[in-house]
């Protein structure tokens, strides 16, 4: 039987300083930083799923859509992962965070606390901090979104 890819969304959130939100996974001993992400429910719109997952995992609601990657990006799970899927097919979204850090709350869903910590960092650092099997995806996300963050913030400063 051939395994399929799980539909998934990935979310990059950046703040007024151009830094992106990276979250430390709760289920790892070592620091394993990543962007919020999660599964898409049957019939759910991808942007709606991205906003839902962002809220469920981080408590963040105060965001503005800036961009998205139109085509899905895939990665395969390592062979030793005993999962029903071959990997994930992700739809990526870029949001500007209009709130402040007091909004961040990892205990929105106490049964599934995904993260234990967060930090704001340069987007270019994300591929260095992610697990190996997701690096190619993170490099693509950085290539697509890094210039958009700069353009968006430049527009905010210049009143565009």
N, C-alpha and C. Protein backbone atom coordinates (compact mmCIF):
# COMPACT_ATOMS: atom_id res chain seq x y z
N UNK A 1 0.84 -1.18 0.00
CA UNK A 1 0.00 0.00 0.00
C UNK A 1 0.89 1.25 0.00
N UNK A 2 0.61 2.17 -0.90
CA UNK A 2 1.37 3.41 -0.99
C UNK A 2 0.81 4.43 -0.02
N UNK A 3 1.71 5.01 0.77
CA UNK A 3 1.29 6.06 1.70
C UNK A 3 1.14 7.38 0.96
N UNK A 4 0.24 8.20 1.46
CA UNK A 4 0.01 9.51 0.85
C UNK A 4 0.63 10.61 1.72
N UNK A 5 0.51 11.83 1.24
CA UNK A 5 0.99 12.99 2.00
C UNK A 5 -0.17 13.61 2.76
N UNK A 6 0.09 13.97 3.99
CA UNK A 6 -0.90 14.63 4.83
C UNK A 6 -0.97 16.11 4.45
N UNK A 7 -2.17 16.62 4.25
CA UNK A 7 -2.37 18.05 3.97
C UNK A 7 -2.05 18.84 5.25
N UNK A 8 -1.26 19.90 5.08
CA UNK A 8 -0.73 20.61 6.22
C UNK A 8 -0.54 22.08 5.84
N UNK A 9 -0.54 22.94 6.83
CA UNK A 9 -0.22 24.35 6.63
C UNK A 9 0.97 24.72 7.50
N UNK A 10 1.78 25.63 7.00
CA UNK A 10 2.89 26.19 7.76
C UNK A 10 2.70 27.68 7.85
N UNK A 11 3.11 28.25 8.98
CA UNK A 11 2.85 29.67 9.23
C UNK A 11 4.14 30.37 9.67
N UNK A 12 4.48 31.42 8.93
CA UNK A 12 5.58 32.30 9.32
C UNK A 12 4.95 33.60 9.78
N UNK A 13 5.26 33.99 11.02
CA UNK A 13 4.76 35.23 11.60
C UNK A 13 5.96 36.13 11.86
N UNK A 14 5.87 37.39 11.40
CA UNK A 14 6.95 38.32 11.68
C UNK A 14 6.42 39.57 12.37
N UNK A 15 7.31 40.22 13.11
CA UNK A 15 6.91 41.39 13.89
C UNK A 15 7.43 42.68 13.26
N UNK A 16 7.19 43.79 13.93
CA UNK A 16 7.55 45.11 13.42
C UNK A 16 9.05 45.28 13.23
N UNK A 17 9.84 44.43 13.88
CA UNK A 17 11.30 44.47 13.75
C UNK A 17 11.80 43.55 12.64
N UNK A 18 10.88 42.89 11.94
CA UNK A 18 11.27 41.99 10.86
C UNK A 18 11.75 40.63 11.33
N UNK A 19 11.57 40.34 12.60
CA UNK A 19 11.96 39.04 13.17
C UNK A 19 10.79 38.07 13.07
N UNK A 20 11.11 36.79 12.87
CA UNK A 20 10.06 35.77 12.76
C UNK A 20 9.95 34.98 14.06
N UNK A 21 8.75 34.48 14.29
CA UNK A 21 8.47 33.67 15.46
C UNK A 21 8.95 32.24 15.24
N UNK A 22 9.85 31.79 16.10
CA UNK A 22 10.29 30.40 16.11
C UNK A 22 9.90 29.81 17.44
N UNK A 23 9.37 28.59 17.41
CA UNK A 23 8.88 27.94 18.62
C UNK A 23 9.65 26.65 18.88
N UNK A 24 9.94 26.41 20.16
CA UNK A 24 10.65 25.20 20.58
C UNK A 24 9.64 24.11 20.87
N UNK A 25 9.82 22.97 20.21
CA UNK A 25 8.88 21.86 20.38
C UNK A 25 8.90 21.35 21.82
N UNK A 26 7.72 21.03 22.31
CA UNK A 26 7.54 20.54 23.68
C UNK A 26 7.96 19.08 23.81
N UNK A 27 7.95 18.32 22.72
CA UNK A 27 8.21 16.88 22.78
C UNK A 27 9.66 16.52 22.50
N UNK A 28 10.56 17.50 22.52
CA UNK A 28 11.98 17.24 22.25
C UNK A 28 12.82 17.66 23.45
N UNK A 29 13.80 16.84 23.79
CA UNK A 29 14.75 17.19 24.86
C UNK A 29 15.64 18.34 24.43
N UNK A 30 16.23 18.18 23.26
CA UNK A 30 17.09 19.22 22.72
C UNK A 30 16.24 20.33 22.13
N UNK A 31 16.83 21.49 22.00
CA UNK A 31 16.11 22.60 21.39
C UNK A 31 15.86 22.27 19.92
N UNK A 32 14.62 22.23 19.55
CA UNK A 32 14.20 21.96 18.17
C UNK A 32 13.20 23.05 17.81
N UNK A 33 13.67 24.05 17.08
CA UNK A 33 12.87 25.22 16.76
C UNK A 33 12.21 25.07 15.40
N UNK A 34 10.97 25.55 15.30
CA UNK A 34 10.25 25.49 14.04
C UNK A 34 9.18 26.56 14.00
N UNK A 35 8.60 26.72 12.81
CA UNK A 35 7.44 27.58 12.64
C UNK A 35 6.20 26.80 13.04
N UNK A 36 5.14 27.49 13.48
CA UNK A 36 3.88 26.79 13.73
C UNK A 36 3.40 26.10 12.44
N UNK A 37 2.80 24.94 12.60
CA UNK A 37 2.26 24.21 11.47
C UNK A 37 1.21 23.23 11.99
N UNK A 38 0.40 22.73 11.09
CA UNK A 38 -0.59 21.75 11.53
C UNK A 38 -1.44 21.24 10.39
N UNK A 39 -2.21 20.22 10.69
CA UNK A 39 -3.03 19.55 9.70
C UNK A 39 -4.24 20.36 9.26
N UNK A 40 -4.68 20.05 8.06
CA UNK A 40 -5.87 20.68 7.48
C UNK A 40 -7.03 19.71 7.63
N UNK A 41 -8.12 20.21 8.18
CA UNK A 41 -9.30 19.38 8.36
C UNK A 41 -10.03 19.20 7.03
N UNK A 42 -10.78 18.11 6.91
CA UNK A 42 -11.54 17.80 5.69
C UNK A 42 -12.37 19.00 5.26
N UNK A 43 -12.17 19.45 4.01
CA UNK A 43 -12.94 20.54 3.44
C UNK A 43 -12.55 21.94 3.93
N UNK A 44 -11.54 22.04 4.76
CA UNK A 44 -11.14 23.32 5.33
C UNK A 44 -10.30 24.13 4.34
N UNK A 45 -10.57 25.41 4.25
CA UNK A 45 -9.76 26.32 3.45
C UNK A 45 -8.37 26.42 4.07
N UNK A 46 -7.33 26.50 3.24
CA UNK A 46 -5.96 26.49 3.75
C UNK A 46 -5.65 27.71 4.62
N UNK A 47 -6.12 28.87 4.23
CA UNK A 47 -5.86 30.06 5.04
C UNK A 47 -6.59 29.97 6.38
N UNK A 48 -7.80 29.47 6.36
CA UNK A 48 -8.55 29.27 7.60
C UNK A 48 -7.80 28.28 8.49
N UNK A 49 -7.28 27.22 7.89
CA UNK A 49 -6.50 26.24 8.66
C UNK A 49 -5.25 26.87 9.25
N UNK A 50 -4.58 27.73 8.48
CA UNK A 50 -3.37 28.39 8.97
C UNK A 50 -3.69 29.26 10.18
N UNK A 51 -4.75 30.03 10.10
CA UNK A 51 -5.15 30.89 11.23
C UNK A 51 -5.56 30.05 12.44
N UNK A 52 -6.29 28.96 12.20
CA UNK A 52 -6.72 28.09 13.30
C UNK A 52 -5.51 27.46 13.99
N UNK A 53 -4.61 26.89 13.19
CA UNK A 53 -3.43 26.25 13.76
C UNK A 53 -2.55 27.26 14.51
N UNK A 54 -2.38 28.44 13.94
CA UNK A 54 -1.60 29.48 14.62
C UNK A 54 -2.19 29.79 15.98
N UNK A 55 -3.51 29.95 16.04
CA UNK A 55 -4.16 30.23 17.31
C UNK A 55 -4.05 29.05 18.29
N UNK A 56 -4.35 27.83 17.81
CA UNK A 56 -4.33 26.67 18.69
C UNK A 56 -2.94 26.41 19.27
N UNK A 57 -1.89 26.68 18.49
CA UNK A 57 -0.54 26.38 18.95
C UNK A 57 0.12 27.51 19.71
N UNK A 58 -0.26 28.78 19.40
CA UNK A 58 0.45 29.92 20.00
C UNK A 58 -0.45 30.94 20.68
N UNK A 59 -1.76 30.88 20.47
CA UNK A 59 -2.66 31.88 21.02
C UNK A 59 -2.74 33.15 20.19
N UNK A 60 -1.96 33.23 19.13
CA UNK A 60 -1.90 34.45 18.32
C UNK A 60 -3.12 34.57 17.41
N UNK A 61 -3.75 35.76 17.46
CA UNK A 61 -4.87 36.09 16.57
C UNK A 61 -4.63 37.39 15.81
N UNK A 62 -3.80 38.26 16.35
CA UNK A 62 -3.61 39.61 15.80
C UNK A 62 -2.62 39.59 14.64
N UNK A 63 -3.07 39.10 13.49
CA UNK A 63 -2.19 39.00 12.33
C UNK A 63 -2.87 39.54 11.09
N UNK A 64 -2.04 39.88 10.12
CA UNK A 64 -2.49 40.35 8.82
C UNK A 64 -1.78 39.52 7.76
N UNK A 65 -2.55 38.96 6.82
CA UNK A 65 -1.97 38.16 5.75
C UNK A 65 -1.11 39.05 4.85
N UNK A 66 0.12 38.61 4.59
CA UNK A 66 1.03 39.33 3.72
C UNK A 66 1.24 38.57 2.42
N UNK A 67 1.40 37.26 2.50
CA UNK A 67 1.68 36.48 1.31
C UNK A 67 1.44 35.01 1.61
N UNK A 68 1.53 34.22 0.55
CA UNK A 68 1.47 32.77 0.67
C UNK A 68 2.23 32.16 -0.48
N UNK A 69 2.69 30.95 -0.30
CA UNK A 69 3.32 30.21 -1.40
C UNK A 69 2.18 29.47 -2.09
N UNK A 70 1.99 29.72 -3.37
CA UNK A 70 0.82 29.21 -4.09
C UNK A 70 0.84 27.68 -4.26
N UNK A 71 2.01 27.12 -4.49
CA UNK A 71 2.11 25.67 -4.70
C UNK A 71 2.51 24.99 -3.40
N UNK A 72 1.98 23.80 -3.14
CA UNK A 72 2.38 23.10 -1.92
C UNK A 72 3.84 22.65 -1.99
N UNK A 73 4.43 22.54 -0.82
CA UNK A 73 5.81 22.07 -0.67
C UNK A 73 5.75 20.79 0.15
N UNK A 74 6.47 19.76 -0.31
CA UNK A 74 6.42 18.46 0.37
C UNK A 74 7.73 18.10 1.05
N UNK A 75 7.59 17.34 2.12
CA UNK A 75 8.75 16.67 2.69
C UNK A 75 8.33 15.27 3.14
N UNK A 76 9.28 14.37 3.14
CA UNK A 76 9.04 12.99 3.58
C UNK A 76 9.48 12.83 5.03
N UNK A 77 8.73 12.02 5.76
CA UNK A 77 9.14 11.67 7.11
C UNK A 77 10.31 10.68 7.04
N UNK A 78 11.19 10.69 8.03
CA UNK A 78 12.24 9.66 8.06
C UNK A 78 11.61 8.27 8.10
N UNK A 79 12.32 7.30 7.56
CA UNK A 79 11.81 5.92 7.46
C UNK A 79 11.45 5.34 8.83
N UNK A 80 12.18 5.73 9.88
CA UNK A 80 11.92 5.17 11.21
C UNK A 80 10.68 5.75 11.88
N UNK A 81 10.05 6.77 11.29
CA UNK A 81 8.81 7.31 11.83
C UNK A 81 7.68 6.35 11.46
N UNK A 82 7.00 5.85 12.42
CA UNK A 82 5.89 4.91 12.18
C UNK A 82 4.58 5.70 12.11
N UNK A 83 4.36 6.33 10.96
CA UNK A 83 3.18 7.17 10.76
C UNK A 83 2.39 6.68 9.56
N UNK A 84 1.10 6.98 9.50
CA UNK A 84 0.28 6.52 8.37
C UNK A 84 0.52 7.29 7.07
N UNK A 85 1.34 8.36 7.13
CA UNK A 85 1.60 9.18 5.95
C UNK A 85 3.06 9.08 5.53
N UNK A 86 3.29 9.28 4.23
CA UNK A 86 4.66 9.30 3.71
C UNK A 86 5.38 10.56 4.17
N UNK A 87 4.62 11.64 4.28
CA UNK A 87 5.16 12.94 4.67
C UNK A 87 4.05 13.95 4.70
N UNK A 88 4.43 15.21 4.55
CA UNK A 88 3.44 16.28 4.60
C UNK A 88 3.52 17.13 3.33
N UNK A 89 2.36 17.54 2.87
CA UNK A 89 2.22 18.48 1.76
C UNK A 89 1.74 19.78 2.38
N UNK A 90 2.65 20.77 2.41
CA UNK A 90 2.38 21.99 3.16
C UNK A 90 2.05 23.19 2.27
N UNK A 91 1.11 23.97 2.75
CA UNK A 91 0.74 25.24 2.15
C UNK A 91 1.20 26.32 3.14
N UNK A 92 2.09 27.20 2.69
CA UNK A 92 2.74 28.16 3.59
C UNK A 92 2.14 29.55 3.48
N UNK A 93 2.02 30.20 4.66
CA UNK A 93 1.44 31.54 4.77
C UNK A 93 2.38 32.44 5.55
N UNK A 94 2.41 33.71 5.16
CA UNK A 94 3.21 34.73 5.84
C UNK A 94 2.27 35.76 6.44
N UNK A 95 2.36 35.96 7.75
CA UNK A 95 1.51 36.91 8.46
C UNK A 95 2.36 37.93 9.21
N UNK A 96 1.85 39.16 9.24
CA UNK A 96 2.44 40.22 10.04
C UNK A 96 1.73 40.22 11.39
N UNK A 97 2.50 40.20 12.48
CA UNK A 97 1.97 40.17 13.84
C UNK A 97 1.73 41.60 14.31
N UNK A 98 0.46 41.94 14.54
CA UNK A 98 0.07 43.28 14.96
C UNK A 98 -0.07 43.40 16.48
N UNK A 99 0.06 42.29 17.18
CA UNK A 99 -0.10 42.31 18.63
C UNK A 99 1.21 42.48 19.36
N UNK A 100 1.22 42.06 20.62
CA UNK A 100 2.47 42.05 21.37
C UNK A 100 2.64 40.68 22.02
N UNK A 101 3.78 40.45 22.60
CA UNK A 101 4.13 39.12 23.10
C UNK A 101 3.20 38.58 24.19
N UNK A 102 2.44 39.45 24.85
CA UNK A 102 1.52 38.96 25.87
C UNK A 102 0.41 38.09 25.27
N UNK A 103 0.23 38.20 23.96
CA UNK A 103 -0.78 37.40 23.26
C UNK A 103 -0.34 35.93 23.12
N UNK A 104 0.96 35.69 23.16
CA UNK A 104 1.48 34.34 22.94
C UNK A 104 1.18 33.47 24.16
N UNK A 105 0.48 32.36 23.90
CA UNK A 105 0.04 31.46 24.97
C UNK A 105 0.01 30.04 24.40
N UNK A 106 0.91 29.21 24.87
CA UNK A 106 1.00 27.83 24.37
C UNK A 106 -0.01 26.89 25.02
N UNK A 107 -0.82 27.39 25.96
CA UNK A 107 -1.74 26.52 26.70
C UNK A 107 -3.20 26.72 26.29
N UNK A 108 -3.43 27.21 25.07
CA UNK A 108 -4.80 27.36 24.56
C UNK A 108 -5.51 26.02 24.55
N UNK A 109 -4.80 24.98 24.11
CA UNK A 109 -5.32 23.62 24.08
C UNK A 109 -4.46 22.78 25.03
N UNK A 110 -4.84 22.70 26.32
CA UNK A 110 -3.99 22.03 27.31
C UNK A 110 -3.72 20.55 27.02
N UNK A 111 -4.57 19.90 26.22
CA UNK A 111 -4.35 18.49 25.89
C UNK A 111 -3.25 18.32 24.85
N UNK A 112 -2.96 19.37 24.11
CA UNK A 112 -1.95 19.28 23.04
C UNK A 112 -1.05 20.52 23.06
N UNK A 113 -0.18 20.61 24.03
CA UNK A 113 0.75 21.73 24.09
C UNK A 113 1.95 21.37 23.21
N UNK A 114 2.04 22.02 22.07
CA UNK A 114 3.07 21.68 21.08
C UNK A 114 4.42 22.32 21.38
N UNK A 115 4.40 23.51 22.00
CA UNK A 115 5.64 24.26 22.18
C UNK A 115 5.87 24.61 23.64
N UNK A 116 7.15 24.78 23.98
CA UNK A 116 7.51 25.13 25.36
C UNK A 116 8.17 26.50 25.46
N UNK A 117 8.59 27.07 24.33
CA UNK A 117 9.27 28.35 24.36
C UNK A 117 9.19 28.98 22.97
N UNK A 118 9.51 30.25 22.89
CA UNK A 118 9.55 30.93 21.60
C UNK A 118 10.66 31.97 21.61
N UNK A 119 11.03 32.39 20.42
CA UNK A 119 11.96 33.50 20.27
C UNK A 119 11.69 34.17 18.94
N UNK A 120 12.12 35.41 18.83
CA UNK A 120 12.05 36.17 17.59
C UNK A 120 13.45 36.19 17.01
N UNK A 121 13.58 35.81 15.75
CA UNK A 121 14.91 35.70 15.14
C UNK A 121 14.82 36.06 13.66
N UNK A 122 15.96 36.19 13.03
CA UNK A 122 16.00 36.43 11.59
C UNK A 122 15.48 35.20 10.86
N UNK A 123 14.72 35.39 9.82
CA UNK A 123 14.17 34.26 9.07
C UNK A 123 15.28 33.37 8.51
N UNK A 124 16.41 33.97 8.20
CA UNK A 124 17.53 33.20 7.64
C UNK A 124 18.09 32.18 8.63
N UNK A 125 17.79 32.33 9.90
CA UNK A 125 18.26 31.39 10.92
C UNK A 125 17.40 30.12 10.98
N UNK A 126 16.18 30.19 10.52
CA UNK A 126 15.23 29.07 10.66
C UNK A 126 15.75 27.76 10.07
N UNK A 127 16.31 27.73 8.86
CA UNK A 127 16.79 26.45 8.32
C UNK A 127 17.94 25.84 9.14
N UNK A 128 18.66 26.65 9.87
CA UNK A 128 19.76 26.15 10.71
C UNK A 128 19.25 25.48 11.98
N UNK A 129 18.01 25.81 12.36
CA UNK A 129 17.46 25.34 13.63
C UNK A 129 16.45 24.21 13.49
N UNK A 130 16.06 23.91 12.26
CA UNK A 130 15.02 22.90 12.03
C UNK A 130 15.64 21.51 11.87
N UNK A 131 14.86 20.49 12.11
CA UNK A 131 15.33 19.12 11.92
C UNK A 131 15.72 18.91 10.47
N UNK A 132 16.64 18.00 10.23
CA UNK A 132 17.24 17.81 8.91
C UNK A 132 16.21 17.56 7.80
N UNK A 133 15.21 16.73 8.06
CA UNK A 133 14.30 16.34 6.99
C UNK A 133 13.36 17.47 6.53
N UNK A 134 13.35 18.60 7.25
CA UNK A 134 12.53 19.75 6.85
C UNK A 134 13.37 20.89 6.28
N UNK A 135 14.69 20.75 6.23
CA UNK A 135 15.56 21.85 5.81
C UNK A 135 15.26 22.37 4.40
N UNK A 136 15.03 21.48 3.46
CA UNK A 136 14.76 21.90 2.08
C UNK A 136 13.51 22.77 2.01
N UNK A 137 12.48 22.39 2.74
CA UNK A 137 11.25 23.17 2.79
C UNK A 137 11.52 24.53 3.41
N UNK A 138 12.25 24.55 4.51
CA UNK A 138 12.53 25.82 5.19
C UNK A 138 13.37 26.74 4.32
N UNK A 139 14.30 26.19 3.56
CA UNK A 139 15.08 27.02 2.64
C UNK A 139 14.18 27.67 1.59
N UNK A 140 13.21 26.92 1.08
CA UNK A 140 12.26 27.48 0.09
C UNK A 140 11.40 28.57 0.74
N UNK A 141 10.94 28.32 1.94
CA UNK A 141 10.12 29.30 2.65
C UNK A 141 10.91 30.59 2.86
N UNK A 142 12.16 30.47 3.27
CA UNK A 142 13.00 31.65 3.46
C UNK A 142 13.18 32.39 2.14
N UNK A 143 13.49 31.67 1.08
CA UNK A 143 13.69 32.30 -0.23
C UNK A 143 12.45 33.07 -0.68
N UNK A 144 11.28 32.52 -0.42
CA UNK A 144 10.03 33.16 -0.84
C UNK A 144 9.63 34.33 0.06
N UNK A 145 9.77 34.16 1.37
CA UNK A 145 9.22 35.14 2.30
C UNK A 145 10.18 36.21 2.78
N UNK A 146 11.47 35.96 2.78
CA UNK A 146 12.41 36.97 3.30
C UNK A 146 12.27 38.31 2.57
N UNK A 147 12.24 38.33 1.24
CA UNK A 147 12.08 39.64 0.58
C UNK A 147 10.71 40.27 0.83
N UNK A 148 9.70 39.46 1.03
CA UNK A 148 8.35 39.98 1.29
C UNK A 148 8.27 40.67 2.64
N UNK A 149 8.99 40.14 3.64
CA UNK A 149 9.04 40.78 4.96
C UNK A 149 9.66 42.17 4.82
N UNK A 150 10.78 42.24 4.13
CA UNK A 150 11.47 43.51 3.94
C UNK A 150 10.57 44.50 3.20
N UNK A 151 9.95 44.05 2.11
CA UNK A 151 9.08 44.92 1.32
C UNK A 151 7.90 45.43 2.14
N UNK A 152 7.30 44.53 2.92
CA UNK A 152 6.15 44.91 3.73
C UNK A 152 6.54 45.98 4.75
N UNK A 153 7.63 45.76 5.47
CA UNK A 153 8.05 46.70 6.51
C UNK A 153 8.50 48.02 5.89
N UNK A 154 9.16 47.97 4.77
CA UNK A 154 9.56 49.20 4.08
C UNK A 154 8.31 50.00 3.70
N UNK A 155 7.29 49.31 3.25
CA UNK A 155 6.03 49.97 2.92
C UNK A 155 5.37 50.60 4.12
N UNK A 156 5.45 49.92 5.27
CA UNK A 156 4.87 50.46 6.51
C UNK A 156 5.60 51.73 6.92
N UNK A 157 6.92 51.72 6.81
CA UNK A 157 7.72 52.88 7.19
C UNK A 157 7.49 54.04 6.23
N UNK A 158 7.40 53.74 4.94
CA UNK A 158 7.23 54.78 3.93
C UNK A 158 5.77 55.14 3.70
N UNK A 159 4.86 54.49 4.41
CA UNK A 159 3.44 54.80 4.29
C UNK A 159 2.81 54.31 3.00
N UNK A 160 3.38 53.30 2.40
CA UNK A 160 2.85 52.76 1.14
C UNK A 160 1.62 51.91 1.44
